[in-house]
C-alpha atoms as a PDB file:
ATOM      1  CA  MET A   1       0.311  -0.064   0.113  1.00  0.00           C
ATOM      2  CA  ASN A   2       0.994   3.227  -0.444  1.00  0.00           C
ATOM      3  CA  PRO A   3       0.519   6.819   1.025  1.00  0.00           C
ATOM      4  CA  ILE A   4      -2.662   7.152   0.073  1.00  0.00           C
ATOM      5  CA  GLY A   5      -3.923   3.735   0.457  1.00  0.00           C
ATOM      6  CA  LEU A   6      -4.077   2.445  -3.578  1.00  0.00           C
ATOM      7  CA  ASP A   7      -2.308  -1.206  -3.548  1.00  0.00           C
ATOM      8  CA  ARG A   8      -0.604  -2.208  -6.419  1.00  0.00           C
ATOM      9  CA  GLY A   9      -3.424  -3.635  -8.567  1.00  0.00           C
ATOM     10  CA  MET A  10      -5.256  -0.431  -8.625  1.00  0.00           C
ATOM     11  CA  LEU A  11      -2.186   1.299  -9.597  1.00  0.00           C
ATOM     12  CA  GLU A  12      -1.623  -0.359 -12.416  1.00  0.00           C
ATOM     13  CA  GLN A  13      -5.717  -0.902 -13.089  1.00  0.00           C
ATOM     14  CA  ILE A  14      -5.009   3.216 -13.216  1.00  0.00           C
ATOM     15  CA  GLU A  15      -2.094   3.438 -15.100  1.00  0.00           C
ATOM     16  CA  GLU A  16      -3.962   0.245 -17.777  1.00  0.00           C
ATOM     17  CA  LEU A  17      -6.787   2.524 -18.300  1.00  0.00           C
ATOM     18  CA  SER A  18      -5.206   5.784 -19.605  1.00  0.00           C
ATOM     19  CA  TYR A  19      -4.079   3.580 -22.518  1.00  0.00           C
ATOM     20  CA  ILE A  20      -7.569   2.467 -23.462  1.00  0.00           C
ATOM     21  CA  PRO A  21      -7.740   4.298 -27.436  1.00  0.00           C
ATOM     22  CA  PRO A  22     -11.062   6.131 -27.170  1.00  0.00           C
ATOM     23  CA  GLN A  23     -14.128   5.272 -30.049  1.00  0.00           C
ATOM     24  CA  ARG A  24     -14.450   8.319 -32.185  1.00  0.00           C
ATOM     25  CA  GLU A  25     -16.017   8.046 -35.161  1.00  0.00           C
ATOM     26  CA  GLN A  26     -14.036   8.949 -38.920  1.00  0.00           C
ATOM     27  CA  LEU A  27     -14.091  12.445 -39.576  1.00  0.00           C
ATOM     28  CA  THR A  28     -13.885  13.517 -43.022  1.00  0.00           C
ATOM     29  CA  GLN A  29     -11.625  15.743 -44.225  1.00  0.00           C
ATOM     30  CA  GLU A  30     -14.025  18.535 -45.235  1.00  0.00           C
ATOM     31  CA  ARG A  31     -16.230  18.143 -41.726  1.00  0.00           C
ATOM     32  CA  ILE A  32     -12.782  17.458 -39.806  1.00  0.00           C
ATOM     33  CA  LYS A  33     -11.762  21.432 -41.326  1.00  0.00           C
ATOM     34  CA  LYS A  34     -15.218  22.878 -40.980  1.00  0.00           C
ATOM     35  CA  GLN A  35     -14.901  21.679 -36.973  1.00  0.00           C
ATOM     36  CA  ILE A  36     -11.680  23.019 -36.672  1.00  0.00           C
ATOM     37  CA  ARG A  37     -12.702  26.010 -38.283  1.00  0.00           C
ATOM     38  CA  ALA A  38     -15.810  26.648 -36.004  1.00  0.00           C
ATOM     39  CA  ALA A  39     -13.758  26.259 -33.265  1.00  0.00           C
ATOM     40  CA  PHE A  40     -10.680  28.970 -34.221  1.00  0.00           C
ATOM     41  CA  ALA A  41     -13.039  31.700 -35.379  1.00  0.00           C
ATOM     42  CA  PRO A  42     -14.791  33.017 -31.860  1.00  0.00           C
ATOM     43  CA  PHE A  43     -11.135  33.308 -30.917  1.00  0.00           C
ATOM     44  CA  GLU A  44     -10.046  34.994 -34.625  1.00  0.00           C
ATOM     45  CA  ARG A  45      -8.241  38.845 -34.160  1.00  0.00           C
ATOM     46  CA  GLU A  46     -10.646  41.172 -35.526  1.00  0.00           C
ATOM     47  CA  GLY A  47     -10.836  39.358 -38.629  1.00  0.00           C
ATOM     48  CA  SER A  48      -7.338  38.250 -38.863  1.00  0.00           C
ATOM     49  CA  ASP A  49      -6.837  34.445 -39.213  1.00  0.00           C
ATOM     50  CA  THR A  50      -5.461  34.760 -36.086  1.00  0.00           C
ATOM     51  CA  CYS A  51      -5.907  33.952 -32.572  1.00  0.00           C
ATOM     52  CA  ASP A  52      -3.581  35.067 -29.931  1.00  0.00           C
ATOM     53  CA  ILE A  53      -1.637  32.532 -28.429  1.00  0.00           C
ATOM     54  CA  ARG A  54      -3.106  31.692 -24.728  1.00  0.00           C
ATOM     55  CA  ASP A  55      -6.357  30.899 -26.389  1.00  0.00           C
ATOM     56  CA  VAL A  56      -5.026  28.190 -28.333  1.00  0.00           C
ATOM     57  CA  GLY A  57      -5.260  25.297 -25.547  1.00  0.00           C
ATOM     58  CA  THR A  58      -9.445  26.192 -24.659  1.00  0.00           C
ATOM     59  CA  VAL A  59      -9.255  26.196 -29.055  1.00  0.00           C
ATOM     60  CA  VAL A  60      -8.029  22.767 -29.120  1.00  0.00           C
ATOM     61  CA  ARG A  61      -9.972  21.150 -26.212  1.00  0.00           C
ATOM     62  CA  ALA A  62     -13.136  22.915 -28.361  1.00  0.00           C
ATOM     63  CA  LEU A  63     -12.655  20.254 -30.285  1.00  0.00           C
ATOM     64  CA  GLY A  64     -12.170  17.271 -27.793  1.00  0.00           C
ATOM     65  CA  LEU A  65      -8.704  17.338 -27.625  1.00  0.00           C
ATOM     66  CA  ASN A  66      -7.560  16.565 -24.444  1.00  0.00           C
ATOM     67  CA  PRO A  67      -3.391  17.531 -24.733  1.00  0.00           C
ATOM     68  CA  THR A  68      -1.487  17.215 -21.164  1.00  0.00           C
ATOM     69  CA  GLU A  69       0.354  20.799 -20.880  1.00  0.00           C
ATOM     70  CA  ALA A  70       3.171  19.396 -22.068  1.00  0.00           C
ATOM     71  CA  GLN A  71       1.390  18.656 -24.769  1.00  0.00           C
ATOM     72  CA  LEU A  72      -0.339  21.754 -24.723  1.00  0.00           C
ATOM     73  CA  HIS A  73       2.944  23.563 -25.076  1.00  0.00           C
ATOM     74  CA  GLN A  74       5.024  21.678 -27.914  1.00  0.00           C
ATOM     75  CA  MET A  75       1.577  21.922 -30.411  1.00  0.00           C
ATOM     76  CA  ILE A  76       2.424  25.765 -29.647  1.00  0.00           C
ATOM     77  CA  GLU A  77       6.420  25.708 -30.235  1.00  0.00           C
ATOM     78  CA  GLU A  78       5.033  24.084 -33.302  1.00  0.00           C
ATOM     79  CA  ILE A  79       2.668  26.040 -34.611  1.00  0.00           C
ATOM     80  CA  GLU A  80       4.345  29.016 -33.405  1.00  0.00           C
ATOM     81  CA  GLU A  81       5.743  31.372 -35.972  1.00  0.00           C
ATOM     82  CA  ASP A  82       9.599  31.490 -36.039  1.00  0.00           C
ATOM     83  CA  GLU A  83       9.610  34.925 -34.761  1.00  0.00           C
ATOM     84  CA  PRO A  84       6.932  34.702 -31.652  1.00  0.00           C
ATOM     85  CA  THR A  85       4.042  37.614 -32.414  1.00  0.00           C
ATOM     86  CA  GLY A  86       1.845  36.186 -29.523  1.00  0.00           C
ATOM     87  CA  PHE A  87      -0.434  35.929 -31.940  1.00  0.00           C
ATOM     88  CA  VAL A  88      -1.025  31.896 -34.124  1.00  0.00           C
ATOM     89  CA  ARG A  89      -2.205  32.042 -37.938  1.00  0.00           C
ATOM     90  CA  PHE A  90      -5.259  29.761 -39.258  1.00  0.00           C
ATOM     91  CA  GLU A  91      -2.994  27.939 -41.565  1.00  0.00           C
ATOM     92  CA  ARG A  92      -0.772  26.598 -39.297  1.00  0.00           C
ATOM     93  CA  PHE A  93      -2.916  25.775 -36.824  1.00  0.00           C
ATOM     94  CA  GLU A  94      -5.570  24.016 -39.017  1.00  0.00           C
ATOM     95  CA  ALA A  95      -2.911  21.720 -40.645  1.00  0.00           C
ATOM     96  CA  LEU A  96      -1.915  20.698 -37.112  1.00  0.00           C
ATOM     97  CA  MET A  97      -4.794  19.791 -36.630  1.00  0.00           C
ATOM     98  CA  LYS A  98      -6.029  17.784 -39.463  1.00  0.00           C
ATOM     99  CA  ARG A  99      -3.064  15.500 -38.514  1.00  0.00           C
ATOM    100  CA  VAL A 100      -3.827  15.331 -34.752  1.00  0.00           C
ATOM    101  CA  LEU A 101      -7.639  14.836 -35.549  1.00  0.00           C
ATOM    102  CA  THR A 102      -7.322  12.315 -38.237  1.00  0.00           C
ATOM    103  CA  ARG A 103      -5.320  10.388 -36.413  1.00  0.00           C
ATOM    104  CA  GLY A 104      -5.946  10.879 -32.414  1.00  0.00           C
ATOM    105  CA  GLU A 105      -2.634  11.972 -31.305  1.00  0.00           C
ATOM    106  CA  PHE A 106       0.044  13.752 -30.377  1.00  0.00           C
ATOM    107  CA  ASN A 107       3.822  12.442 -30.836  1.00  0.00           C
ATOM    108  CA  SER A 108       2.161   9.310 -30.932  1.00  0.00           C
ATOM    109  CA  LYS A 109       0.672   9.863 -27.173  1.00  0.00           C
ATOM    110  CA  VAL A 110      -3.338  10.158 -27.190  1.00  0.00           C
ATOM    111  CA  ILE A 111      -5.554  12.865 -26.525  1.00  0.00           C
ATOM    112  CA  ALA A 112      -8.859  12.961 -28.030  1.00  0.00           C
ATOM    113  CA  ARG A 113     -11.351  12.718 -24.769  1.00  0.00           C
ATOM    114  CA  ASP A 114     -12.572   9.230 -23.287  1.00  0.00           C
ATOM    115  CA  ALA A 115     -15.889   8.042 -23.436  1.00  0.00           C
ATOM    116  CA  GLU A 116     -18.414   7.912 -20.656  1.00  0.00           C
ATOM    117  CA  GLU A 117     -17.462   4.346 -20.258  1.00  0.00           C
ATOM    118  CA  THR A 118     -14.037   4.613 -20.052  1.00  0.00           C
ATOM    119  CA  ILE A 119     -14.154   7.591 -17.715  1.00  0.00           C
ATOM    120  CA  LEU A 120     -16.658   5.285 -15.628  1.00  0.00           C
ATOM    121  CA  ALA A 121     -14.050   2.694 -15.721  1.00  0.00           C
ATOM    122  CA  ALA A 122     -11.463   4.494 -14.640  1.00  0.00           C
ATOM    123  CA  PHE A 123     -13.513   6.266 -11.033  1.00  0.00           C
ATOM    124  CA  GLU A 124     -14.710   2.259 -10.777  1.00  0.00           C
ATOM    125  CA  VAL A 125     -10.881   1.512 -10.249  1.00  0.00           C
ATOM    126  CA  LEU A 126     -10.673   4.029  -7.640  1.00  0.00           C
ATOM    127  CA  ASP A 127     -14.030   2.963  -5.748  1.00  0.00           C
ATOM    128  CA  PRO A 128     -13.387  -1.057  -4.993  1.00  0.00           C
ATOM    129  CA  GLU A 129     -16.074  -1.023  -2.403  1.00  0.00           C
ATOM    130  CA  LYS A 130     -18.413   0.154  -5.001  1.00  0.00           C
ATOM    131  CA  LYS A 131     -20.378   2.618  -3.181  1.00  0.00           C
ATOM    132  CA  GLY A 132     -21.125   5.238  -6.311  1.00  0.00           C
ATOM    133  CA  TYR A 133     -18.426   8.146  -5.141  1.00  0.00           C
ATOM    134  CA  ILE A 134     -15.258   9.231  -4.022  1.00  0.00           C
ATOM    135  CA  ASP A 135     -14.070  10.926  -1.140  1.00  0.00           C
ATOM    136  CA  ALA A 136     -13.346  14.732  -1.925  1.00  0.00           C
ATOM    137  CA  ASP A 137      -9.840  14.573   0.365  1.00  0.00           C
ATOM    138  CA  PHE A 138      -8.574  11.135  -1.744  1.00  0.00           C
ATOM    139  CA  MET A 139      -9.257  12.373  -4.784  1.00  0.00           C
ATOM    140  CA  ARG A 140      -7.907  15.141  -4.018  1.00  0.00           C
ATOM    141  CA  GLU A 141      -4.601  13.687  -2.975  1.00  0.00           C
ATOM    142  CA  LEU A 142      -4.208  11.480  -6.239  1.00  0.00           C
ATOM    143  CA  LEU A 143      -4.634  14.682  -8.000  1.00  0.00           C
ATOM    144  CA  LEU A 144      -1.462  16.334  -6.703  1.00  0.00           C
ATOM    145  CA  THR A 145       0.600  13.481  -6.193  1.00  0.00           C
ATOM    146  CA  LYS A 146       0.245  10.721  -8.797  1.00  0.00           C
ATOM    147  CA  GLY A 147       0.741  10.848 -12.514  1.00  0.00           C
ATOM    148  CA  GLU A 148       0.692  14.015 -14.216  1.00  0.00           C
ATOM    149  CA  ARG A 149       0.012  16.698 -11.009  1.00  0.00           C
ATOM    150  CA  PHE A 150      -2.528  19.141 -10.496  1.00  0.00           C
ATOM    151  CA  THR A 151      -1.815  22.191  -9.291  1.00  0.00           C
ATOM    152  CA  ASN A 152      -3.419  23.419  -5.945  1.00  0.00           C
ATOM    153  CA  ASP A 153      -6.118  26.152  -8.299  1.00  0.00           C
ATOM    154  CA  GLU A 154      -6.595  22.805 -10.566  1.00  0.00           C
ATOM    155  CA  VAL A 155      -7.598  20.415  -7.460  1.00  0.00           C
ATOM    156  CA  LEU A 156      -9.943  23.372  -5.979  1.00  0.00           C
ATOM    157  CA  GLU A 157     -11.550  23.743  -9.001  1.00  0.00           C
ATOM    158  CA  PHE A 158     -12.658  20.181  -9.877  1.00  0.00           C
ATOM    159  CA  ILE A 159     -13.354  19.736  -6.297  1.00  0.00           C
ATOM    160  CA  ASN A 160     -15.744  22.441  -6.505  1.00  0.00           C
ATOM    161  CA  ALA A 161     -17.127  21.412  -9.739  1.00  0.00           C
ATOM    162  CA  ALA A 162     -17.670  16.982  -8.746  1.00  0.00           C
ATOM    163  CA  ALA A 163     -17.477  17.356  -5.026  1.00  0.00           C
ATOM    164  CA  ASP A 164     -20.785  17.528  -3.414  1.00  0.00           C
ATOM    165  CA  PRO A 165     -20.581  20.821  -0.788  1.00  0.00           C
ATOM    166  CA  GLU A 166     -22.675  18.953   1.600  1.00  0.00           C
ATOM    167  CA  THR A 167     -21.328  15.225   1.908  1.00  0.00           C
ATOM    168  CA  GLY A 168     -18.250  15.981   0.201  1.00  0.00           C
ATOM    169  CA  GLN A 169     -18.567  12.609  -2.284  1.00  0.00           C
ATOM    170  CA  ILE A 170     -18.141  13.373  -5.797  1.00  0.00           C
ATOM    171  CA  LYS A 171     -20.618  11.067  -7.205  1.00  0.00           C
ATOM    172  CA  TYR A 172     -18.643   9.786 -10.336  1.00  0.00           C
ATOM    173  CA  GLU A 173     -21.487   8.828 -13.185  1.00  0.00           C
ATOM    174  CA  ASP A 174     -23.267  12.275 -12.665  1.00  0.00           C
ATOM    175  CA  TYR A 175     -19.414  13.381 -12.877  1.00  0.00           C
ATOM    176  CA  ALA A 176     -18.342  10.893 -16.180  1.00  0.00           C
ATOM    177  CA  ALA A 177     -20.977  11.999 -18.306  1.00  0.00           C
ATOM    178  CA  ILE A 178     -19.821  15.779 -17.848  1.00  0.00           C
ATOM    179  CA  LEU A 179     -16.606  14.998 -18.815  1.00  0.00           C
ATOM    180  CA  ALA A 180     -17.644  12.567 -22.018  1.00  0.00           C
ATOM    181  CA  VAL A 181     -18.041  14.298 -25.351  1.00  0.00           C
ATOM    182  CA  ASP A 182     -20.967  12.613 -27.475  1.00  0.00           C
END
């Protein structure tokens, strides 16, 4: 057992779940282009075909992708101009996103959002007694100490969104549905 109460089997199940490829529809190139344009448009700067580099993560996530912060920084490095301007041109963003959306991965790592069943299975690993909920303090400890660690602010935002304020429990069936992409 480790300090937060997960045995080796539970840790192995968590690691295994992180590699389950998401079920996703094969999109046509035209549909992908429309999706990319629709996600980019709200952030476009005054008809310039550019968006602020700080908005790239939001646009990428609006496309149903869930990159790590490290992956996001790599993406930005790839599409940023040789002389950084603080803005990203649509044509460079589109080229990268077409590749990522077609493959469902970036630099050989899956970044598409998971289906509800996959998210639910991940939460169930943390609930071996099948209570239907996870204690917020237990989840906080996991998020701060395991895997790609969250910041305190990110954990607070997650707990505020996911946990029942009266009981401190995360009823994960409901939350999995919210996290999943249709």
